[in-house]
Amino acid sequence: MAVASRDVEQARVEAERVFARKILEQAGYGEGFNTTLAYRDVTRWYLPNAEATAAAIQAYLQAVGITAEVIVY
Protein backbone atom coordinates (compact mmCIF):
# COMPACT_ATOMS: atom_id res chain seq x y z
CA MET A 1 0.00 0.00 0.00
CA ALA A 2 2.84 2.43 0.75
CA VAL A 3 4.28 1.94 -2.73
CA ALA A 4 0.98 2.88 -4.36
CA SER A 5 0.76 5.96 -2.14
CA ARG A 6 4.28 6.99 -3.16
CA ASP A 7 3.40 6.53 -6.84
CA VAL A 8 0.33 8.73 -6.43
CA GLU A 9 2.41 11.40 -4.70
CA GLN A 10 5.06 11.32 -7.44
CA ALA A 11 2.35 11.62 -10.10
CA ARG A 12 0.85 14.60 -8.27
CA VAL A 13 4.21 16.34 -7.99
CA GLU A 14 4.93 15.80 -11.69
CA ALA A 15 1.48 17.11 -12.64
CA GLU A 16 2.13 20.24 -10.58
CA ARG A 17 5.49 20.74 -12.34
CA VAL A 18 3.84 20.43 -15.74
CA PHE A 19 1.14 22.90 -14.70
CA ALA A 20 3.73 25.38 -13.35
CA ARG A 21 5.73 25.20 -16.58
CA LYS A 22 2.53 25.75 -18.57
CA ILE A 23 1.72 28.87 -16.54
CA LEU A 24 5.28 30.16 -16.97
CA GLU A 25 4.99 29.60 -20.72
CA GLN A 26 1.70 31.51 -20.85
CA ALA A 27 3.31 34.36 -18.90
CA GLY A 28 6.15 34.57 -21.41
CA TYR A 29 8.75 32.74 -19.32
CA GLY A 30 8.86 29.47 -21.23
CA GLU A 31 12.66 29.46 -21.02
CA GLY A 32 12.50 30.18 -17.29
CA PHE A 33 14.28 33.08 -15.66
CA ASN A 34 16.87 33.95 -13.04
CA THR A 35 16.07 35.40 -9.64
CA THR A 36 17.55 35.84 -6.20
CA LEU A 37 16.33 34.13 -3.05
CA ALA A 38 17.60 35.87 0.06
CA TYR A 39 17.29 34.73 3.64
CA ARG A 40 18.54 35.85 7.01
CA ASP A 41 20.84 33.50 8.84
CA VAL A 42 18.84 33.70 12.04
CA THR A 43 17.18 30.83 13.85
CA ARG A 44 13.49 31.41 14.46
CA TRP A 45 11.06 29.13 16.26
CA TYR A 46 9.00 28.88 13.06
CA LEU A 47 12.05 28.45 10.80
CA PRO A 48 14.73 26.51 12.68
CA ASN A 49 16.89 25.84 9.59
CA ALA A 50 16.59 28.71 7.12
CA GLU A 51 19.50 27.44 5.01
CA ALA A 52 17.84 24.06 4.39
CA THR A 53 14.50 25.74 3.66
CA ALA A 54 16.13 28.10 1.13
CA ALA A 55 17.89 25.15 -0.53
CA ALA A 56 14.58 23.27 -0.80
CA ILE A 57 12.82 26.28 -2.32
CA GLN A 58 15.72 26.70 -4.76
CA ALA A 59 15.34 23.05 -5.84
CA TYR A 60 11.57 23.40 -6.27
CA LEU A 61 12.06 26.48 -8.45
CA GLN A 62 14.80 24.79 -10.50
CA ALA A 63 12.44 21.89 -11.21
CA VAL A 64 10.19 24.26 -13.16
CA GLY A 65 12.98 26.18 -14.89
CA ILE A 66 13.57 29.06 -12.49
CA THR A 67 17.19 29.54 -11.47
CA ALA A 68 17.44 31.10 -8.02
CA GLU A 69 20.70 32.33 -6.57
CA VAL A 70 20.55 31.92 -2.80
CA ILE A 71 22.15 34.66 -0.76
CA VAL A 72 22.43 35.16 2.99
CA TYR A 73 22.13 38.59 4.53
C-alpha atoms as a PDB file:
ATOM      1  CA  MET A   1       0.000   0.000   0.000  1.00  0.00           C
ATOM      2  CA  ALA A   2       2.838   2.428   0.753  1.00  0.00           C
ATOM      3  CA  VAL A   3       4.278   1.938  -2.730  1.00  0.00           C
ATOM      4  CA  ALA A   4       0.979   2.876  -4.360  1.00  0.00           C
ATOM      5  CA  SER A   5       0.762   5.962  -2.143  1.00  0.00           C
ATOM      6  CA  ARG A   6       4.278   6.993  -3.155  1.00  0.00           C
ATOM      7  CA  ASP A   7       3.396   6.529  -6.842  1.00  0.00           C
ATOM      8  CA  VAL A   8       0.330   8.728  -6.428  1.00  0.00           C
ATOM      9  CA  GLU A   9       2.406  11.397  -4.696  1.00  0.00           C
ATOM     10  CA  GLN A  10       5.063  11.316  -7.439  1.00  0.00           C
ATOM     11  CA  ALA A  11       2.353  11.622 -10.102  1.00  0.00           C
ATOM     12  CA  ARG A  12       0.848  14.595  -8.270  1.00  0.00           C
ATOM     13  CA  VAL A  13       4.212  16.342  -7.992  1.00  0.00           C
ATOM     14  CA  GLU A  14       4.927  15.798 -11.692  1.00  0.00           C
ATOM     15  CA  ALA A  15       1.475  17.111 -12.636  1.00  0.00           C
ATOM     16  CA  GLU A  16       2.133  20.239 -10.576  1.00  0.00           C
ATOM     17  CA  ARG A  17       5.492  20.743 -12.337  1.00  0.00           C
ATOM     18  CA  VAL A  18       3.842  20.433 -15.740  1.00  0.00           C
ATOM     19  CA  PHE A  19       1.144  22.897 -14.695  1.00  0.00           C
ATOM     20  CA  ALA A  20       3.730  25.379 -13.349  1.00  0.00           C
ATOM     21  CA  ARG A  21       5.728  25.198 -16.580  1.00  0.00           C
ATOM     22  CA  LYS A  22       2.534  25.751 -18.574  1.00  0.00           C
ATOM     23  CA  ILE A  23       1.723  28.867 -16.545  1.00  0.00           C
ATOM     24  CA  LEU A  24       5.277  30.162 -16.971  1.00  0.00           C
ATOM     25  CA  GLU A  25       4.993  29.600 -20.716  1.00  0.00           C
ATOM     26  CA  GLN A  26       1.700  31.514 -20.849  1.00  0.00           C
ATOM     27  CA  ALA A  27       3.313  34.359 -18.903  1.00  0.00           C
ATOM     28  CA  GLY A  28       6.153  34.567 -21.413  1.00  0.00           C
ATOM     29  CA  TYR A  29       8.745  32.739 -19.321  1.00  0.00           C
ATOM     30  CA  GLY A  30       8.864  29.471 -21.230  1.00  0.00           C
ATOM     31  CA  GLU A  31      12.661  29.456 -21.021  1.00  0.00           C
ATOM     32  CA  GLY A  32      12.502  30.177 -17.291  1.00  0.00           C
ATOM     33  CA  PHE A  33      14.283  33.081 -15.657  1.00  0.00           C
ATOM     34  CA  ASN A  34      16.869  33.948 -13.040  1.00  0.00           C
ATOM     35  CA  THR A  35      16.067  35.400  -9.643  1.00  0.00           C
ATOM     36  CA  THR A  36      17.545  35.841  -6.204  1.00  0.00           C
ATOM     37  CA  LEU A  37      16.329  34.133  -3.051  1.00  0.00           C
ATOM     38  CA  ALA A  38      17.604  35.869   0.065  1.00  0.00           C
ATOM     39  CA  TYR A  39      17.291  34.731   3.641  1.00  0.00           C
ATOM     40  CA  ARG A  40      18.544  35.852   7.012  1.00  0.00           C
ATOM     41  CA  ASP A  41      20.843  33.501   8.838  1.00  0.00           C
ATOM     42  CA  VAL A  42      18.837  33.699  12.040  1.00  0.00           C
ATOM     43  CA  THR A  43      17.181  30.835  13.850  1.00  0.00           C
ATOM     44  CA  ARG A  44      13.489  31.408  14.458  1.00  0.00           C
ATOM     45  CA  TRP A  45      11.056  29.130  16.261  1.00  0.00           C
ATOM     46  CA  TYR A  46       8.999  28.878  13.056  1.00  0.00           C
ATOM     47  CA  LEU A  47      12.050  28.448  10.803  1.00  0.00           C
ATOM     48  CA  PRO A  48      14.729  26.511  12.676  1.00  0.00           C
ATOM     49  CA  ASN A  49      16.885  25.843   9.591  1.00  0.00           C
ATOM     50  CA  ALA A  50      16.593  28.715   7.125  1.00  0.00           C
ATOM     51  CA  GLU A  51      19.498  27.438   5.007  1.00  0.00           C
ATOM     52  CA  ALA A  52      17.836  24.056   4.392  1.00  0.00           C
ATOM     53  CA  THR A  53      14.505  25.743   3.659  1.00  0.00           C
ATOM     54  CA  ALA A  54      16.134  28.097   1.133  1.00  0.00           C
ATOM     55  CA  ALA A  55      17.886  25.148  -0.535  1.00  0.00           C
ATOM     56  CA  ALA A  56      14.582  23.265  -0.802  1.00  0.00           C
ATOM     57  CA  ILE A  57      12.822  26.277  -2.324  1.00  0.00           C
ATOM     58  CA  GLN A  58      15.720  26.703  -4.758  1.00  0.00           C
ATOM     59  CA  ALA A  59      15.345  23.054  -5.838  1.00  0.00           C
ATOM     60  CA  TYR A  60      11.570  23.402  -6.274  1.00  0.00           C
ATOM     61  CA  LEU A  61      12.063  26.483  -8.453  1.00  0.00           C
ATOM     62  CA  GLN A  62      14.796  24.795 -10.499  1.00  0.00           C
ATOM     63  CA  ALA A  63      12.442  21.887 -11.206  1.00  0.00           C
ATOM     64  CA  VAL A  64      10.190  24.263 -13.164  1.00  0.00           C
ATOM     65  CA  GLY A  65      12.983  26.176 -14.892  1.00  0.00           C
ATOM     66  CA  ILE A  66      13.567  29.058 -12.494  1.00  0.00           C
ATOM     67  CA  THR A  67      17.186  29.538 -11.475  1.00  0.00           C
ATOM     68  CA  ALA A  68      17.441  31.102  -8.025  1.00  0.00           C
ATOM     69  CA  GLU A  69      20.702  32.330  -6.569  1.00  0.00           C
ATOM     70  CA  VAL A  70      20.548  31.915  -2.803  1.00  0.00           C
ATOM     71  CA  ILE A  71      22.149  34.659  -0.758  1.00  0.00           C
ATOM     72  CA  VAL A  72      22.427  35.164   2.994  1.00  0.00           C
ATOM     73  CA  TYR A  73      22.127  38.590   4.527  1.00  0.00           C
END
